[in-house]
Amino acid sequence: MNKLKNISFYYGLFFTILLSLVFTITGYSQNHQFPVTLIDDSGAEVVITEKPEKIVSAAPSNTEIIFALGLEDKLVGRSDFCNYPEATKTIESIGKMSPLNLEKIVSLNPDLILSYGGFQLKDIPRLRELGFNVLVVQSETLQEMIQGIQLIANACGIPKEGEQLTSLMQERIDLINIQVENLSVEKKPKVFVGSNFDTIYSPGRKTLFHELITMAGGENIVGHLRGWAKINPELVAQKEPDIIIIPSGIMNPEEISKIKQDIITHPGWSHVPAIKNNRIYAVNEDLFYRAGPRLVDGLELLYEIFTEKE
């Protein structure tokens, strides 16, 4: 009997030590993931040797991702255009998005710089020459935005947090996909995005706004055009949209009530269903222009608008 007790004791001790080693190794692997090698959205290979503790974001979309991942305490610099969430105001500005203020960025001595690419690409080589890690995150679709979140999470040493956030976002996207996947063309509202300017620009295919309209179950009246397209007011009259969306914000700072009134009284538009049925909606442009987590909010908002009873 004593032998059985001894054997039981040693087996118990063995498994306790084994479990301890497993937890130690697991904890070690989670906390010592670096160096990590990533391919950013410019195609560049970026090697990050240590977990970043000081981050500079050169674009609003990346700043919003940083906050969504709970990394705001590591953010030491942001662009002038970074205005969400409210707490961004307390973070030091690096100035305009282009050209980048290299002197200011260098003075902050960041471990990681999150660039948007595009017009910032010309400044990135110099930053890399100076030894800074620059990660280009430039998403042009909703799925690319989700991949961008995971890319930033991996760069910051929190891949699991990235997976959790993107999984929750994907669930919200999938829920809307299920609701609209079997909609007939007749049930899809025709949508016009724009204002009553002398020159009207509306988002066509290959824009985030167009993708969100389509995913939310709408038919974009300028979907046959590419990019932000210059259109003639007659096109709106011809297409007869059921819904008019007015993006409001920095890009369109006019008073909403005035914009709506101008649309309602526009010559030749009085027969447009959206105007006749008072289905004109002002929305926060940032939910549709910025390739950040709030794109999913924008998708849900459009779905609510499209399914609202007249």
Protein backbone atom coordinates (compact mmCIF):
# COMPACT_ATOMS: atom_id res chain seq x y z
CA MET A 1 0.00 0.00 0.00
CA ASN A 2 2.84 2.36 0.86
CA LYS A 3 4.47 1.50 -2.47
CA LEU A 4 1.29 2.49 -4.28
CA LYS A 5 1.22 5.78 -2.39
CA ASN A 6 4.85 6.45 -3.28
CA ILE A 7 4.24 5.65 -6.93
CA SER A 8 1.16 7.89 -6.91
CA PHE A 9 3.17 10.66 -5.27
CA TYR A 10 6.00 10.50 -7.81
CA TYR A 11 3.59 10.37 -10.74
CA GLY A 12 1.79 13.39 -9.35
CA LEU A 13 5.07 15.23 -8.87
CA PHE A 14 6.14 14.30 -12.41
CA PHE A 15 2.95 15.63 -13.98
CA THR A 16 3.09 18.79 -11.87
CA ILE A 17 6.61 19.50 -13.12
CA LEU A 18 5.58 18.64 -16.69
CA LEU A 19 2.60 21.01 -16.59
CA SER A 20 4.80 23.70 -15.09
CA LEU A 21 7.26 23.30 -17.94
CA VAL A 22 4.47 23.44 -20.53
CA PHE A 23 3.08 26.66 -19.06
CA THR A 24 6.56 28.14 -18.79
CA ILE A 25 7.38 27.28 -22.40
CA THR A 26 3.99 28.57 -23.59
CA GLY A 27 4.44 31.81 -21.70
CA TYR A 28 7.95 32.14 -23.05
CA SER A 29 6.82 31.65 -26.65
CA GLN A 30 4.06 34.21 -26.25
CA ASN A 31 6.35 36.83 -24.78
CA HIS A 32 9.35 36.13 -27.01
CA GLN A 33 7.89 36.07 -30.52
CA PHE A 34 10.52 38.37 -31.89
CA PRO A 35 12.18 38.81 -34.26
CA VAL A 36 9.17 38.69 -36.59
CA THR A 37 9.35 39.07 -40.37
CA LEU A 38 6.37 40.60 -42.15
CA ILE A 39 5.50 41.58 -45.72
CA ASP A 40 3.69 44.93 -45.71
CA ASP A 41 1.21 46.29 -48.26
CA SER A 42 3.98 47.83 -50.36
CA GLY A 43 5.54 44.38 -50.76
CA ALA A 44 8.48 45.26 -48.53
CA GLU A 45 9.93 42.77 -46.05
CA VAL A 46 9.97 44.28 -42.56
CA VAL A 47 11.93 42.61 -39.76
CA ILE A 48 10.94 43.70 -36.26
CA THR A 49 13.46 42.50 -33.70
CA GLU A 50 11.73 43.60 -30.49
CA LYS A 51 8.19 44.27 -29.33
CA PRO A 52 7.40 47.91 -30.22
CA GLU A 53 6.88 50.18 -27.24
CA LYS A 54 6.69 53.50 -29.11
CA ILE A 55 4.50 53.75 -32.21
CA VAL A 56 3.90 56.59 -34.67
CA SER A 57 0.83 56.45 -36.91
CA ALA A 58 0.91 58.54 -40.07
CA ALA A 59 -2.72 57.90 -41.05
CA PRO A 60 -6.14 58.01 -39.34
CA SER A 61 -7.01 54.45 -40.36
CA ASN A 62 -3.93 53.05 -38.64
CA THR A 63 -4.54 55.18 -35.56
CA GLU A 64 -8.05 53.76 -35.26
CA ILE A 65 -6.65 50.23 -35.59
CA ILE A 66 -4.16 50.91 -32.82
CA PHE A 67 -6.96 52.01 -30.49
CA ALA A 68 -9.16 49.07 -31.47
CA LEU A 69 -6.31 46.72 -30.52
CA GLY A 70 -5.89 48.43 -27.15
CA LEU A 71 -2.39 49.72 -27.97
CA GLU A 72 -3.11 53.43 -27.51
CA ASP A 73 -0.68 53.69 -24.58
CA LYS A 74 2.13 52.95 -27.04
CA LEU A 75 1.10 55.66 -29.51
CA VAL A 76 3.54 58.59 -29.28
CA GLY A 77 2.69 60.37 -32.53
CA ARG A 78 -0.20 60.74 -35.00
CA SER A 79 -1.08 62.82 -38.04
CA ASP A 80 -3.16 66.00 -37.96
CA PHE A 81 -6.04 64.09 -39.57
CA CYS A 82 -6.25 61.52 -36.78
CA ASN A 83 -9.36 62.66 -34.91
CA TYR A 84 -10.93 59.45 -33.64
CA PRO A 85 -11.35 58.46 -30.93
CA GLU A 86 -11.41 61.63 -28.86
CA ALA A 87 -8.30 60.54 -26.95
CA THR A 88 -6.15 61.09 -30.07
CA LYS A 89 -6.18 64.80 -29.22
CA THR A 90 -3.85 64.12 -26.29
CA ILE A 91 -1.24 62.48 -28.52
CA GLU A 92 1.51 64.56 -30.10
CA SER A 93 0.97 65.42 -33.76
CA ILE A 94 3.58 64.76 -36.43
CA GLY A 95 1.84 67.18 -38.80
CA LYS A 96 0.44 66.57 -42.28
CA MET A 97 0.10 63.16 -43.88
CA SER A 98 2.20 64.32 -46.82
CA PRO A 99 4.95 65.21 -47.00
CA LEU A 100 5.84 63.51 -43.73
CA ASN A 101 7.68 65.65 -41.21
CA LEU A 102 10.74 63.41 -40.95
CA GLU A 103 12.45 65.60 -38.38
CA LYS A 104 9.45 65.42 -36.06
CA ILE A 105 9.06 61.66 -36.49
CA VAL A 106 12.76 61.07 -35.81
CA SER A 107 12.57 63.21 -32.65
CA LEU A 108 9.92 60.83 -31.24
CA ASN A 109 12.32 57.89 -31.74
CA PRO A 110 9.57 55.34 -32.47
CA ASP A 111 10.10 51.56 -32.58
CA LEU A 112 7.44 51.28 -35.28
CA ILE A 113 6.04 53.71 -37.86
CA LEU A 114 2.68 52.87 -39.45
CA SER A 115 2.42 54.49 -42.87
CA TYR A 116 -0.49 54.49 -45.29
CA GLY A 117 1.66 54.30 -48.40
CA GLY A 118 0.57 56.07 -51.57
CA PHE A 119 1.78 59.64 -51.34
CA GLN A 120 3.87 58.71 -48.27
CA LEU A 121 5.97 56.14 -50.12
CA LYS A 122 8.50 58.75 -51.23
CA ASP A 123 9.40 59.47 -47.58
CA ILE A 124 9.69 55.88 -46.39
CA PRO A 125 13.14 55.00 -47.85
CA ARG A 126 14.78 57.80 -45.85
CA LEU A 127 13.14 56.62 -42.61
CA ARG A 128 14.33 53.09 -43.27
CA GLU A 129 17.84 54.35 -44.06
CA LEU A 130 17.83 55.94 -40.61
CA GLY A 131 17.06 52.54 -39.08
CA PHE A 132 13.34 52.88 -38.38
CA ASN A 133 10.83 50.08 -38.85
CA VAL A 134 8.16 51.33 -41.28
CA LEU A 135 5.11 49.19 -41.95
CA VAL A 136 2.90 50.23 -44.88
CA VAL A 137 -0.77 49.39 -44.31
CA GLN A 138 -2.89 50.44 -47.29
CA SER A 139 -6.23 48.64 -47.61
CA GLU A 140 -8.53 49.08 -50.59
CA THR A 141 -11.21 46.56 -49.61
CA LEU A 142 -12.96 45.48 -46.43
CA GLN A 143 -11.09 42.18 -46.33
CA GLU A 144 -7.77 43.93 -46.89
CA MET A 145 -8.61 46.16 -43.92
CA ILE A 146 -9.16 43.07 -41.76
CA GLN A 147 -5.82 41.69 -42.96
CA GLY A 148 -4.25 45.06 -42.12
CA ILE A 149 -5.49 44.80 -38.53
CA GLN A 150 -3.87 41.38 -38.22
CA LEU A 151 -0.65 42.69 -39.80
CA ILE A 152 -0.41 45.46 -37.19
CA ALA A 153 -1.30 43.04 -34.39
CA ASN A 154 1.48 40.68 -35.51
CA ALA A 155 3.96 43.56 -35.72
CA CYS A 156 3.08 44.60 -32.17
CA GLY A 157 3.38 41.11 -30.71
CA ILE A 158 -0.33 40.55 -30.02
CA PRO A 159 -1.46 38.16 -32.79
CA LYS A 160 -4.18 36.56 -30.65
CA GLU A 161 -5.75 39.93 -29.88
CA GLY A 162 -5.74 40.65 -33.60
CA GLU A 163 -7.44 37.34 -34.32
CA GLN A 164 -10.10 38.03 -31.68
CA LEU A 165 -10.86 41.50 -33.04
CA THR A 166 -10.98 40.43 -36.69
CA SER A 167 -13.10 37.39 -35.84
CA LEU A 168 -15.72 39.58 -34.16
CA MET A 169 -15.72 41.94 -37.13
CA GLN A 170 -16.06 39.06 -39.57
CA GLU A 171 -19.07 37.77 -37.64
CA ARG A 172 -20.80 41.13 -38.07
CA ILE A 173 -19.98 41.17 -41.78
CA ASP A 174 -21.22 37.61 -42.24
CA LEU A 175 -24.50 38.43 -40.51
CA ILE A 176 -25.26 41.10 -43.11
CA ASN A 177 -24.07 38.87 -45.94
CA ILE A 178 -26.65 36.29 -44.89
CA GLN A 179 -29.42 38.91 -44.89
CA VAL A 180 -28.71 40.20 -48.39
CA GLU A 181 -27.30 37.21 -50.29
CA ASN A 182 -30.67 36.21 -51.77
CA LEU A 183 -32.00 39.70 -52.51
CA SER A 184 -33.40 40.06 -56.01
CA VAL A 185 -32.35 43.02 -58.15
CA GLU A 186 -35.85 44.48 -57.78
CA LYS A 187 -35.52 44.56 -53.99
CA LYS A 188 -32.15 46.31 -53.99
CA PRO A 189 -32.53 50.09 -53.54
CA LYS A 190 -30.75 52.25 -56.08
CA VAL A 191 -28.28 54.47 -54.24
CA PHE A 192 -26.66 57.79 -55.09
CA VAL A 193 -23.78 59.13 -52.98
CA GLY A 194 -23.04 62.83 -53.35
CA SER A 195 -24.14 66.41 -52.88
CA ASN A 196 -25.48 69.24 -54.97
CA PHE A 197 -22.12 70.71 -55.97
CA ASP A 198 -21.48 72.22 -59.39
CA THR A 199 -19.09 69.31 -59.89
CA ILE A 200 -20.42 66.08 -58.44
CA TYR A 201 -18.03 63.27 -57.50
CA SER A 202 -19.53 59.92 -56.57
CA PRO A 203 -17.81 56.65 -55.56
CA GLY A 204 -17.80 54.03 -58.29
CA ARG A 205 -16.34 50.53 -58.30
CA LYS A 206 -12.94 49.97 -56.72
CA THR A 207 -13.83 52.30 -53.82
CA LEU A 208 -14.59 51.29 -50.25
CA PHE A 209 -17.90 53.18 -50.40
CA HIS A 210 -19.08 51.20 -53.44
CA GLU A 211 -18.11 47.91 -51.81
CA LEU A 212 -20.08 48.76 -48.66
CA ILE A 213 -23.16 49.81 -50.68
CA THR A 214 -23.08 46.51 -52.55
CA MET A 215 -22.46 44.40 -49.44
CA ALA A 216 -25.30 46.14 -47.60
CA GLY A 217 -27.74 45.18 -50.35
CA GLY A 218 -27.85 48.33 -52.44
CA GLU A 219 -27.24 49.11 -56.11
CA ASN A 220 -24.81 51.96 -56.68
CA ILE A 221 -26.05 54.08 -59.60
CA VAL A 222 -22.45 54.88 -60.57
CA GLY A 223 -21.20 51.33 -60.06
CA HIS A 224 -20.41 51.14 -63.78
CA LEU A 225 -17.78 53.85 -63.30
CA ARG A 226 -14.38 53.42 -61.67
CA GLY A 227 -13.05 55.28 -58.63
CA TRP A 228 -14.38 58.63 -57.48
CA ALA A 229 -16.09 59.59 -60.72
CA LYS A 230 -17.09 63.03 -61.93
CA ILE A 231 -20.73 62.77 -62.96
CA ASN A 232 -23.32 64.92 -64.64
CA PRO A 233 -26.46 65.87 -62.63
CA GLU A 234 -28.53 64.44 -65.50
CA LEU A 235 -27.25 60.98 -64.57
CA VAL A 236 -28.99 61.24 -61.18
CA ALA A 237 -32.23 62.22 -62.90
CA GLN A 238 -31.91 59.31 -65.35
CA LYS A 239 -31.01 56.66 -62.77
CA GLU A 240 -33.75 57.76 -60.32
CA PRO A 241 -32.12 56.60 -57.06
CA ASP A 242 -34.32 55.39 -54.22
CA ILE A 243 -31.84 56.63 -51.60
CA ILE A 244 -29.41 59.56 -51.50
CA ILE A 245 -26.44 59.40 -49.13
CA ILE A 246 -24.64 62.62 -48.17
CA PRO A 247 -21.12 62.04 -46.75
CA SER A 248 -20.43 64.69 -44.13
CA GLY A 249 -17.10 65.66 -42.60
CA ILE A 250 -13.78 67.25 -43.51
CA MET A 251 -14.27 66.48 -47.20
CA ASN A 252 -17.79 67.93 -47.18
CA PRO A 253 -18.09 70.48 -44.35
CA GLU A 254 -21.23 72.28 -45.56
CA GLU A 255 -24.29 72.54 -43.33
CA ILE A 256 -26.36 69.37 -43.77
CA SER A 257 -29.70 71.14 -43.81
CA LYS A 258 -28.48 73.37 -46.64
CA ILE A 259 -27.16 70.41 -48.63
CA LYS A 260 -30.47 68.60 -48.26
CA GLN A 261 -32.43 71.65 -49.33
CA ASP A 262 -30.19 72.13 -52.36
CA ILE A 263 -30.73 68.51 -53.35
CA ILE A 264 -34.50 68.74 -52.91
CA THR A 265 -34.73 71.89 -55.06
CA HIS A 266 -32.21 70.79 -57.71
CA PRO A 267 -33.66 71.44 -61.19
CA GLY A 268 -34.77 68.21 -62.84
CA TRP A 269 -34.56 66.07 -59.70
CA SER A 270 -38.06 66.57 -58.29
CA HIS A 271 -39.25 63.22 -59.70
CA VAL A 272 -36.36 61.26 -58.13
CA PRO A 273 -37.85 58.67 -55.69
CA ALA A 274 -35.31 59.49 -52.94
CA ILE A 275 -36.48 63.11 -52.97
CA LYS A 276 -40.19 62.33 -53.36
CA ASN A 277 -40.05 59.86 -50.44
CA ASN A 278 -37.68 61.94 -48.27
CA ARG A 279 -35.01 59.25 -48.20
CA ILE A 280 -31.98 61.53 -47.97
CA TYR A 281 -29.45 60.57 -45.30
CA ALA A 282 -26.37 62.35 -43.99
CA VAL A 283 -23.61 60.03 -42.74
CA ASN A 284 -20.20 60.43 -41.17
CA GLU A 285 -17.80 60.17 -44.12
CA ASP A 286 -15.10 58.59 -41.96
CA LEU A 287 -17.15 55.37 -41.74
CA PHE A 288 -16.79 54.92 -45.50
CA TYR A 289 -13.51 56.59 -46.50
CA ARG A 290 -11.12 55.30 -43.83
CA ALA A 291 -9.82 51.76 -44.09
CA GLY A 292 -10.17 51.13 -40.37
CA PRO A 293 -12.40 49.11 -38.02
CA ARG A 294 -15.31 51.54 -38.36
CA LEU A 295 -15.90 50.38 -41.93
CA VAL A 296 -18.01 47.63 -40.36
CA ASP A 297 -20.04 50.32 -38.57
CA GLY A 298 -20.54 51.95 -41.97
CA LEU A 299 -21.69 48.66 -43.47
CA GLU A 300 -24.23 48.16 -40.68
CA LEU A 301 -25.45 51.74 -41.00
CA LEU A 302 -26.06 51.36 -44.74
CA TYR A 303 -27.93 48.12 -44.14
CA GLU A 304 -30.19 49.87 -41.61
CA ILE A 305 -30.84 52.72 -44.06
CA PHE A 306 -31.57 50.36 -46.95
CA THR A 307 -34.00 48.25 -44.92
CA GLU A 308 -35.75 51.19 -43.25
CA LYS A 309 -39.48 51.26 -43.92
CA GLU A 310 -40.65 54.20 -46.01
